[in-house]
C-alpha cells in the first residue's frame, strides 16, 4: 500500500513538473522581448512628425511626463 501511494505521488509530481515546463515554454517564449522597427527608430531620431498620427502629452506643456 505504501509503495502504491509513493508511486502515485511521484507520478503526480512528475506530471505537474512536465505541465509547468511545457506551458512555460509555449506561453512565455516572447514575454518581455521588444523588437524595434528601424523606420520608427529613424523617424524618432530625426524628430519627424507624421500627419496621420494623433499625438498626446501628459503633464504640463513645459515639463511633459509622456
Protein backbone atom coordinates (compact mmCIF):
# COMPACT_ATOMS: atom_id res chain seq x y z
CA UNK A 1 0.00 0.00 0.00
CA UNK A 2 2.82 2.39 0.91
CA UNK A 3 4.61 1.63 -2.31
CA UNK A 4 1.46 2.27 -4.33
CA UNK A 5 0.91 5.68 -2.69
CA UNK A 6 4.53 6.64 -3.25
CA UNK A 7 4.26 5.68 -6.92
CA UNK A 8 1.09 7.77 -7.31
CA UNK A 9 2.73 10.79 -5.61
CA UNK A 10 5.79 10.53 -7.85
CA UNK A 11 3.63 10.22 -10.95
CA UNK A 12 1.55 13.25 -9.98
CA UNK A 13 4.66 15.32 -9.19
CA UNK A 14 6.35 14.41 -12.47
CA UNK A 15 3.15 15.19 -14.39
CA UNK A 16 2.86 18.61 -12.74
CA UNK A 17 6.51 19.38 -13.47
CA UNK A 18 6.10 18.48 -17.14
CA UNK A 19 2.93 20.56 -17.38
CA UNK A 20 4.70 23.61 -15.97
CA UNK A 21 7.69 23.13 -18.25
CA UNK A 22 5.51 22.62 -21.31
CA UNK A 23 3.30 25.63 -20.66
CA UNK A 24 6.09 28.00 -19.75
CA UNK A 25 7.97 27.37 -22.98
CA UNK A 26 5.00 27.96 -25.26
CA UNK A 27 3.27 30.75 -23.37
CA UNK A 28 6.22 32.85 -22.26
CA UNK A 29 8.55 32.40 -25.21
CA UNK A 30 8.29 36.06 -26.31
CA UNK A 31 7.50 37.56 -22.92
CA UNK A 32 9.46 40.74 -22.24
CA UNK A 33 11.04 40.98 -25.66
CA UNK A 34 10.89 44.19 -27.70
CA UNK A 35 11.72 44.14 -31.39
CA UNK A 36 12.45 47.68 -32.60
CA UNK A 37 11.32 48.82 -36.03
CA UNK A 38 14.10 50.64 -37.89
CA UNK A 39 11.75 53.08 -39.66
CA UNK A 40 10.18 54.12 -36.34
CA UNK A 41 13.61 54.50 -34.77
CA UNK A 42 14.82 56.69 -37.65
CA UNK A 43 11.75 58.94 -37.55
CA UNK A 44 12.13 59.30 -33.77
CA UNK A 45 15.80 60.22 -34.00
CA UNK A 46 15.12 62.72 -36.82
CA UNK A 47 12.18 64.32 -34.92
CA UNK A 48 9.78 63.63 -37.81
CA UNK A 49 6.07 64.10 -37.10
CA UNK A 50 3.60 62.05 -39.12
CA UNK A 51 0.35 63.84 -40.03
CA UNK A 52 -1.54 60.51 -39.89
CA UNK A 53 -0.99 60.05 -36.13
CA UNK A 54 -2.61 61.66 -33.11
CA UNK A 55 -0.08 62.81 -30.51
CA UNK A 56 -0.93 63.26 -26.85
CA UNK A 57 1.11 64.61 -23.93
CA UNK A 58 0.80 64.04 -20.22
CA UNK A 59 1.78 66.64 -17.63
CA UNK A 60 2.44 70.32 -18.18
CA UNK A 61 3.43 71.85 -21.51
CA UNK A 62 6.83 72.88 -20.17
CA UNK A 63 7.72 69.57 -18.47
CA UNK A 64 5.74 66.75 -20.13
CA UNK A 65 5.80 63.34 -18.50
CA UNK A 66 4.95 61.35 -21.60
